[in-house]
PDB file of N, CA and C in Angstrom:
ATOM      1  N   MET A   1     -21.928 -20.634 -70.818  1.00  0.00           N
ATOM      2  CA  MET A   1     -20.657 -20.283 -70.201  1.00  0.00           C
ATOM      3  C   MET A   1     -20.577 -20.840 -68.778  1.00  0.00           C
ATOM      4  N   GLN A   2     -21.686 -20.705 -68.028  1.00  0.00           N
ATOM      5  CA  GLN A   2     -21.697 -21.213 -66.654  1.00  0.00           C
ATOM      6  C   GLN A   2     -21.578 -22.731 -66.629  1.00  0.00           C
ATOM      7  N   GLU A   3     -22.139 -23.382 -67.636  1.00  0.00           N
ATOM      8  CA  GLU A   3     -22.035 -24.840 -67.711  1.00  0.00           C
ATOM      9  C   GLU A   3     -20.572 -25.257 -67.880  1.00  0.00           C
ATOM     10  N   ARG A   4     -19.889 -24.517 -68.704  1.00  0.00           N
ATOM     11  CA  ARG A   4     -18.474 -24.821 -68.932  1.00  0.00           C
ATOM     12  C   ARG A   4     -17.655 -24.590 -67.662  1.00  0.00           C
ATOM     13  N   ILE A   5     -17.965 -23.517 -66.949  1.00  0.00           N
ATOM     14  CA  ILE A   5     -17.271 -23.224 -65.694  1.00  0.00           C
ATOM     15  C   ILE A   5     -17.522 -24.336 -64.686  1.00  0.00           C
ATOM     16  N   LYS A   6     -18.777 -24.787 -64.583  1.00  0.00           N
ATOM     17  CA  LYS A   6     -19.107 -25.868 -63.653  1.00  0.00           C
ATOM     18  C   LYS A   6     -18.389 -27.154 -64.041  1.00  0.00           C
ATOM     19  N   ALA A   7     -18.302 -27.418 -65.329  1.00  0.00           N
ATOM     20  CA  ALA A   7     -17.597 -28.615 -65.791  1.00  0.00           C
ATOM     21  C   ALA A   7     -16.119 -28.531 -65.431  1.00  0.00           C
ATOM     22  N   LEU A   8     -15.528 -27.371 -65.625  1.00  0.00           N
ATOM     23  CA  LEU A   8     -14.120 -27.180 -65.268  1.00  0.00           C
ATOM     24  C   LEU A   8     -13.905 -27.295 -63.761  1.00  0.00           C
ATOM     25  N   GLU A   9     -14.833 -26.741 -62.986  1.00  0.00           N
ATOM     26  CA  GLU A   9     -14.736 -26.858 -61.530  1.00  0.00           C
ATOM     27  C   GLU A   9     -14.796 -28.321 -61.106  1.00  0.00           C
ATOM     28  N   SER A  10     -15.648 -29.074 -61.767  1.00  0.00           N
ATOM     29  CA  SER A  10     -15.773 -30.501 -61.468  1.00  0.00           C
ATOM     30  C   SER A  10     -14.464 -31.231 -61.745  1.00  0.00           C
ATOM     31  N   VAL A  11     -13.857 -30.919 -62.865  1.00  0.00           N
ATOM     32  CA  VAL A  11     -12.579 -31.542 -63.222  1.00  0.00           C
ATOM     33  C   VAL A  11     -11.500 -31.160 -62.210  1.00  0.00           C
ATOM     34  N   VAL A  12     -11.466 -29.907 -61.827  1.00  0.00           N
ATOM     35  CA  VAL A  12     -10.472 -29.432 -60.862  1.00  0.00           C
ATOM     36  C   VAL A  12     -10.674 -30.112 -59.508  1.00  0.00           C
ATOM     37  N   GLU A  13     -11.925 -30.231 -59.068  1.00  0.00           N
ATOM     38  CA  GLU A  13     -12.210 -30.895 -57.793  1.00  0.00           C
ATOM     39  C   GLU A  13     -11.768 -32.354 -57.834  1.00  0.00           C
ATOM     40  N   LYS A  14     -12.030 -33.018 -58.948  1.00  0.00           N
ATOM     41  CA  LYS A  14     -11.618 -34.413 -59.096  1.00  0.00           C
ATOM     42  C   LYS A  14     -10.094 -34.512 -59.047  1.00  0.00           C
ATOM     43  N   TYR A  15      -9.424 -33.617 -59.743  1.00  0.00           N
ATOM     44  CA  TYR A  15      -7.959 -33.605 -59.761  1.00  0.00           C
ATOM     45  C   TYR A  15      -7.398 -33.383 -58.358  1.00  0.00           C
ATOM     46  N   ILE A  16      -7.959 -32.436 -57.635  1.00  0.00           N
ATOM     47  CA  ILE A  16      -7.500 -32.144 -56.276  1.00  0.00           C
ATOM     48  C   ILE A  16      -7.705 -33.357 -55.376  1.00  0.00           C
ATOM     49  N   ARG A  17      -8.861 -34.013 -55.508  1.00  0.00           N
ATOM     50  CA  ARG A  17      -9.141 -35.203 -54.704  1.00  0.00           C
ATOM     51  C   ARG A  17      -8.129 -36.311 -55.010  1.00  0.00           C
ATOM     52  N   LEU A  18      -7.842 -36.513 -56.293  1.00  0.00           N
ATOM     53  CA  LEU A  18      -6.874 -37.542 -56.680  1.00  0.00           C
ATOM     54  C   LEU A  18      -5.471 -37.226 -56.167  1.00  0.00           C
ATOM     55  N   VAL A  19      -5.093 -35.967 -56.213  1.00  0.00           N
ATOM     56  CA  VAL A  19      -3.779 -35.567 -55.707  1.00  0.00           C
ATOM     57  C   VAL A  19      -3.687 -35.839 -54.205  1.00  0.00           C
ATOM     58  N   LYS A  20      -4.755 -35.525 -53.472  1.00  0.00           N
ATOM     59  CA  LYS A  20      -4.760 -35.791 -52.031  1.00  0.00           C
ATOM     60  C   LYS A  20      -4.653 -37.285 -51.757  1.00  0.00           C
ATOM     61  N   GLU A  21      -5.380 -38.096 -52.537  1.00  0.00           N
ATOM     62  CA  GLU A  21      -5.306 -39.546 -52.374  1.00  0.00           C
ATOM     63  C   GLU A  21      -3.895 -40.053 -52.664  1.00  0.00           C
ATOM     64  N   LEU A  22      -3.283 -39.523 -53.722  1.00  0.00           N
ATOM     65  CA  LEU A  22      -1.914 -39.928 -54.058  1.00  0.00           C
ATOM     66  C   LEU A  22      -0.930 -39.551 -52.959  1.00  0.00           C
ATOM     67  N   LYS A  23      -1.099 -38.369 -52.396  1.00  0.00           N
ATOM     68  CA  LYS A  23      -0.208 -37.945 -51.316  1.00  0.00           C
ATOM     69  C   LYS A  23      -0.348 -38.870 -50.116  1.00  0.00           C
ATOM     70  N   LEU A  24      -1.596 -39.259 -49.798  1.00  0.00           N
ATOM     71  CA  LEU A  24      -1.827 -40.167 -48.681  1.00  0.00           C
ATOM     72  C   LEU A  24      -1.195 -41.526 -48.957  1.00  0.00           C
ATOM     73  N   GLU A  25      -1.437 -42.063 -50.151  1.00  0.00           N
ATOM     74  CA  GLU A  25      -0.842 -43.348 -50.522  1.00  0.00           C
ATOM     75  C   GLU A  25       0.683 -43.266 -50.499  1.00  0.00           C
ATOM     76  N   ASN A  26       1.210 -42.174 -51.003  1.00  0.00           N
ATOM     77  CA  ASN A  26       2.658 -41.990 -51.038  1.00  0.00           C
ATOM     78  C   ASN A  26       3.234 -41.995 -49.625  1.00  0.00           C
ATOM     79  N   SER A  27       2.576 -41.301 -48.711  1.00  0.00           N
ATOM     80  CA  SER A  27       3.082 -41.275 -47.336  1.00  0.00           C
ATOM     81  C   SER A  27       2.984 -42.655 -46.696  1.00  0.00           C
ATOM     82  N   GLU A  28       1.919 -43.413 -47.026  1.00  0.00           N
ATOM     83  CA  GLU A  28       1.793 -44.774 -46.502  1.00  0.00           C
ATOM     84  C   GLU A  28       2.907 -45.661 -47.053  1.00  0.00           C
ATOM     85  N   PHE A  29       3.179 -45.547 -48.350  1.00  0.00           N
ATOM     86  CA  PHE A  29       4.248 -46.339 -48.953  1.00  0.00           C
ATOM     87  C   PHE A  29       5.611 -45.953 -48.381  1.00  0.00           C
ATOM     88  N   LYS A  30       5.814 -44.669 -48.150  1.00  0.00           N
ATOM     89  CA  LYS A  30       7.082 -44.228 -47.567  1.00  0.00           C
ATOM     90  C   LYS A  30       7.263 -44.804 -46.171  1.00  0.00           C
ATOM     91  N   ALA A  31       6.173 -44.859 -45.398  1.00  0.00           N
ATOM     92  CA  ALA A  31       6.250 -45.431 -44.055  1.00  0.00           C
ATOM     93  C   ALA A  31       6.595 -46.918 -44.132  1.00  0.00           C
ATOM     94  N   LYS A  32       5.957 -47.631 -45.058  1.00  0.00           N
ATOM     95  CA  LYS A  32       6.255 -49.054 -45.233  1.00  0.00           C
ATOM     96  C   LYS A  32       7.707 -49.249 -45.674  1.00  0.00           C
ATOM     97  N   LEU A  33       8.141 -48.413 -46.592  1.00  0.00           N
ATOM     98  CA  LEU A  33       9.512 -48.500 -47.090  1.00  0.00           C
ATOM     99  C   LEU A  33      10.515 -48.244 -45.966  1.00  0.00           C
ATOM    100  N   LYS A  34      10.253 -47.247 -45.152  1.00  0.00           N
ATOM    101  CA  LYS A  34      11.137 -46.937 -44.028  1.00  0.00           C
ATOM    102  C   LYS A  34      11.191 -48.120 -43.065  1.00  0.00           C
ATOM    103  N   HIS A  35      10.029 -48.723 -42.805  1.00  0.00           N
ATOM    104  CA  HIS A  35       9.970 -49.893 -41.923  1.00  0.00           C
ATOM    105  C   HIS A  35      10.805 -51.037 -42.495  1.00  0.00           C
ATOM    106  N   MET A  36      10.689 -51.264 -43.794  1.00  0.00           N
ATOM    107  CA  MET A  36      11.465 -52.324 -44.441  1.00  0.00           C
ATOM    108  C   MET A  36      12.960 -52.029 -44.369  1.00  0.00           C
ATOM    109  N   GLU A  37      13.330 -50.775 -44.554  1.00  0.00           N
ATOM    110  CA  GLU A  37      14.740 -50.403 -44.469  1.00  0.00           C
ATOM    111  C   GLU A  37      15.286 -50.652 -43.064  1.00  0.00           C
ATOM    112  N   LEU A  38      14.490 -50.329 -42.048  1.00  0.00           N
ATOM    113  CA  LEU A  38      14.923 -50.561 -40.668  1.00  0.00           C
ATOM    114  C   LEU A  38      15.058 -52.053 -40.381  1.00  0.00           C
ATOM    115  N   GLU A  39      14.109 -52.841 -40.881  1.00  0.00           N
ATOM    116  CA  GLU A  39      14.201 -54.295 -40.727  1.00  0.00           C
ATOM    117  C   GLU A  39      15.458 -54.830 -41.410  1.00  0.00           C
ATOM    118  N   ASN A  40      15.710 -54.315 -42.595  1.00  0.00           N
ATOM    119  CA  ASN A  40      16.885 -54.732 -43.360  1.00  0.00           C
ATOM    120  C   ASN A  40      18.170 -54.411 -42.598  1.00  0.00           C
ATOM    121  N   GLN A  41      18.253 -53.215 -42.063  1.00  0.00           N
ATOM    122  CA  GLN A  41      19.442 -52.821 -41.308  1.00  0.00           C
ATOM    123  C   GLN A  41      19.632 -53.699 -40.076  1.00  0.00           C
ATOM    124  N   ALA A  42      18.538 -53.972 -39.373  1.00  0.00           N
ATOM    125  CA  ALA A  42      18.625 -54.819 -38.179  1.00  0.00           C
ATOM    126  C   ALA A  42      19.082 -56.225 -38.549  1.00  0.00           C
ATOM    127  N   LEU A  43      18.543 -56.736 -39.635  1.00  0.00           N
ATOM    128  CA  LEU A  43      18.920 -58.074 -40.078  1.00  0.00           C
ATOM    129  C   LEU A  43      20.389 -58.126 -40.476  1.00  0.00           C
ATOM    130  N   LEU A  44      20.835 -57.117 -41.190  1.00  0.00           N
ATOM    131  CA  LEU A  44      22.236 -57.084 -41.609  1.00  0.00           C
ATOM    132  C   LEU A  44      23.182 -56.941 -40.417  1.00  0.00           C
ATOM    133  N   LYS A  45      22.794 -56.161 -39.418  1.00  0.00           N
ATOM    134  CA  LYS A  45      23.637 -56.005 -38.230  1.00  0.00           C
ATOM    135  C   LYS A  45      23.738 -57.315 -37.462  1.00  0.00           C
ATOM    136  N   SER A  46      22.631 -58.057 -37.426  1.00  0.00           N
ATOM    137  CA  SER A  46      22.651 -59.316 -36.683  1.00  0.00           C
ATOM    138  C   SER A  46      23.489 -60.379 -37.389  1.00  0.00           C
ATOM    139  N   ARG A  47      23.686 -60.206 -38.695  1.00  0.00           N
ATOM    140  CA  ARG A  47      24.457 -61.181 -39.470  1.00  0.00           C
ATOM    141  C   ARG A  47      25.653 -60.504 -40.130  1.00  0.00           C
ATOM    142  N   ALA A  48      26.327 -59.667 -39.404  1.00  0.00           N
ATOM    143  CA  ALA A  48      27.384 -58.821 -39.967  1.00  0.00           C
ATOM    144  C   ALA A  48      28.470 -59.599 -40.698  1.00  0.00           C
ATOM    145  N   GLY A  49      28.941 -60.718 -40.152  1.00  0.00           N
ATOM    146  CA  GLY A  49      30.036 -61.446 -40.781  1.00  0.00           C
ATOM    147  C   GLY A  49      29.573 -62.570 -41.680  1.00  0.00           C
ATOM    148  N   ASP A  50      28.293 -62.745 -41.796  1.00  0.00           N
ATOM    149  CA  ASP A  50      27.722 -63.872 -42.533  1.00  0.00           C
ATOM    150  C   ASP A  50      27.693 -63.588 -44.034  1.00  0.00           C
ATOM    151  N   SER A  51      28.034 -64.588 -44.826  1.00  0.00           N
ATOM    152  CA  SER A  51      27.975 -64.404 -46.285  1.00  0.00           C
ATOM    153  C   SER A  51      26.528 -64.306 -46.756  1.00  0.00           C
ATOM    154  N   ASP A  52      25.605 -64.888 -45.982  1.00  0.00           N
ATOM    155  CA  ASP A  52      24.186 -64.769 -46.324  1.00  0.00           C
ATOM    156  C   ASP A  52      23.710 -63.326 -46.194  1.00  0.00           C
ATOM    157  N   ALA A  53      24.378 -62.561 -45.336  1.00  0.00           N
ATOM    158  CA  ALA A  53      23.998 -61.163 -45.150  1.00  0.00           C
ATOM    159  C   ALA A  53      24.127 -60.397 -46.460  1.00  0.00           C
ATOM    160  N   LYS A  54      25.162 -60.698 -47.210  1.00  0.00           N
ATOM    161  CA  LYS A  54      25.345 -60.028 -48.502  1.00  0.00           C
ATOM    162  C   LYS A  54      24.229 -60.405 -49.462  1.00  0.00           C
ATOM    163  N   LYS A  55      23.860 -61.684 -49.445  1.00  0.00           N
ATOM    164  CA  LYS A  55      22.771 -62.135 -50.313  1.00  0.00           C
ATOM    165  C   LYS A  55      21.456 -61.477 -49.916  1.00  0.00           C
ATOM    166  N   ILE A  56      21.232 -61.383 -48.610  1.00  0.00           N
ATOM    167  CA  ILE A  56      20.006 -60.751 -48.115  1.00  0.00           C
ATOM    168  C   ILE A  56      19.990 -59.278 -48.485  1.00  0.00           C
ATOM    169  N   LYS A  57      21.144 -58.635 -48.352  1.00  0.00           N
ATOM    170  CA  LYS A  57      21.230 -57.210 -48.694  1.00  0.00           C
ATOM    171  C   LYS A  57      20.903 -57.000 -50.168  1.00  0.00           C
ATOM    172  N   ILE A  58      21.463 -57.825 -51.029  1.00  0.00           N
ATOM    173  CA  ILE A  58      21.191 -57.716 -52.465  1.00  0.00           C
ATOM    174  C   ILE A  58      19.714 -57.961 -52.740  1.00  0.00           C
ATOM    175  N   PHE A  59      19.153 -58.993 -52.097  1.00  0.00           N
ATOM    176  CA  PHE A  59      17.736 -59.301 -52.271  1.00  0.00           C
ATOM    177  C   PHE A  59      16.863 -58.126 -51.843  1.00  0.00           C
ATOM    178  N   MET A  60      17.156 -57.561 -50.673  1.00  0.00           N
ATOM    179  CA  MET A  60      16.353 -56.451 -50.161  1.00  0.00           C
ATOM    180  C   MET A  60      16.498 -55.213 -51.040  1.00  0.00           C
ATOM    181  N   LEU A  61      17.689 -54.959 -51.538  1.00  0.00           N
ATOM    182  CA  LEU A  61      17.875 -53.812 -52.423  1.00  0.00           C
ATOM    183  C   LEU A  61      17.081 -53.978 -53.709  1.00  0.00           C
ATOM    184  N   LYS A  62      17.067 -55.192 -54.245  1.00  0.00           N
ATOM    185  CA  LYS A  62      16.271 -55.457 -55.445  1.00  0.00           C
ATOM    186  C   LYS A  62      14.787 -55.295 -55.150  1.00  0.00           C
ATOM    187  N   ARG A  63      14.380 -55.779 -53.983  1.00  0.00           N
ATOM    188  CA  ARG A  63      12.972 -55.670 -53.595  1.00  0.00           C
ATOM    189  C   ARG A  63      12.564 -54.205 -53.450  1.00  0.00           C
ATOM    190  N   LEU A  64      13.404 -53.411 -52.810  1.00  0.00           N
ATOM    191  CA  LEU A  64      13.126 -51.988 -52.662  1.00  0.00           C
ATOM    192  C   LEU A  64      13.097 -51.285 -54.015  1.00  0.00           C
ATOM    193  N   ALA A  65      13.976 -51.678 -54.913  1.00  0.00           N
ATOM    194  CA  ALA A  65      13.988 -51.084 -56.251  1.00  0.00           C
ATOM    195  C   ALA A  65      12.688 -51.397 -56.985  1.00  0.00           C
ATOM    196  N   LYS A  66      12.191 -52.634 -56.848  1.00  0.00           N
ATOM    197  CA  LYS A  66      10.927 -53.001 -57.492  1.00  0.00           C
ATOM    198  C   LYS A  66       9.768 -52.205 -56.913  1.00  0.00           C
ATOM    199  N   ILE A  67       9.775 -52.018 -55.598  1.00  0.00           N
ATOM    200  CA  ILE A  67       8.714 -51.235 -54.963  1.00  0.00           C
ATOM    201  C   ILE A  67       8.760 -49.803 -55.464  1.00  0.00           C
ATOM    202  N   ASN A  68       9.954 -49.233 -55.561  1.00  0.00           N
ATOM    203  CA  ASN A  68      10.087 -47.868 -56.074  1.00  0.00           C
ATOM    204  C   ASN A  68       9.595 -47.773 -57.513  1.00  0.00           C
ATOM    205  N   GLU A  69       9.902 -48.771 -58.332  1.00  0.00           N
ATOM    206  CA  GLU A  69       9.433 -48.777 -59.718  1.00  0.00           C
ATOM    207  C   GLU A  69       7.913 -48.819 -59.767  1.00  0.00           C
ATOM    208  N   LYS A  70       7.307 -49.659 -58.933  1.00  0.00           N
ATOM    209  CA  LYS A  70       5.848 -49.760 -58.901  1.00  0.00           C
ATOM    210  C   LYS A  70       5.220 -48.443 -58.469  1.00  0.00           C
ATOM    211  N   LEU A  71       5.828 -47.804 -57.471  1.00  0.00           N
ATOM    212  CA  LEU A  71       5.321 -46.511 -57.021  1.00  0.00           C
ATOM    213  C   LEU A  71       5.394 -45.475 -58.133  1.00  0.00           C
ATOM    214  N   ASP A  72       6.525 -45.400 -58.791  1.00  0.00           N
ATOM    215  CA  ASP A  72       6.687 -44.445 -59.889  1.00  0.00           C
ATOM    216  C   ASP A  72       5.683 -44.709 -60.996  1.00  0.00           C
ATOM    217  N   LYS A  73       5.499 -45.977 -61.346  1.00  0.00           N
ATOM    218  CA  LYS A  73       4.558 -46.342 -62.401  1.00  0.00           C
ATOM    219  C   LYS A  73       3.136 -45.960 -62.004  1.00  0.00           C
ATOM    220  N   GLU A  74       2.763 -46.236 -60.760  1.00  0.00           N
ATOM    221  CA  GLU A  74       1.419 -45.918 -60.281  1.00  0.00           C
ATOM    222  C   GLU A  74       1.187 -44.411 -60.289  1.00  0.00           C
ATOM    223  N   ILE A  75       2.176 -43.662 -59.868  1.00  0.00           N
ATOM    224  CA  ILE A  75       2.045 -42.202 -59.861  1.00  0.00           C
ATOM    225  C   ILE A  75       1.897 -41.681 -61.283  1.00  0.00           C
ATOM    226  N   ARG A  76       2.707 -42.202 -62.210  1.00  0.00           N
ATOM    227  CA  ARG A  76       2.600 -41.768 -63.606  1.00  0.00           C
ATOM    228  C   ARG A  76       1.236 -42.111 -64.190  1.00  0.00           C
ATOM    229  N   ASN A  77       0.715 -43.301 -63.873  1.00  0.00           N
ATOM    230  CA  ASN A  77      -0.590 -43.709 -64.389  1.00  0.00           C
ATOM    231  C   ASN A  77      -1.707 -42.835 -63.847  1.00  0.00           C
ATOM    232  N   ARG A  78      -1.600 -42.436 -62.602  1.00  0.00           N
ATOM    233  CA  ARG A  78      -2.655 -41.614 -62.001  1.00  0.00           C
ATOM    234  C   ARG A  78      -2.589 -40.169 -62.466  1.00  0.00           C
ATOM    235  N   GLN A  79      -1.441 -39.747 -62.912  1.00  0.00           N
ATOM    236  CA  GLN A  79      -1.309 -38.372 -63.382  1.00  0.00           C
ATOM    237  C   GLN A  79      -1.887 -38.192 -64.772  1.00  0.00           C
ATOM    238  N   LYS A  80      -2.096 -39.296 -65.476  1.00  0.00           N
ATOM    239  CA  LYS A  80      -2.628 -39.204 -66.842  1.00  0.00           C
ATOM    240  C   LYS A  80      -4.078 -38.844 -66.856  1.00  0.00           C
TER     241      LYS A  80
END
């Protein structure tokens, strides 16, 4: 019985460690994402009337969407 309890404790400790790592990675990714959003806004403001600004905005939105997809996929994979 004690062996089983120790095994369960080991699994729980591993799970807790992984959750903490995911939270840290998530906060790092959020910081990077926020930085990219600020860069995007600054770039768009500097090129407000430019037709390239629309292309850049679309490109950046697609890039952010891909990053979000990768984050979601990574989180789902780690939860398994």
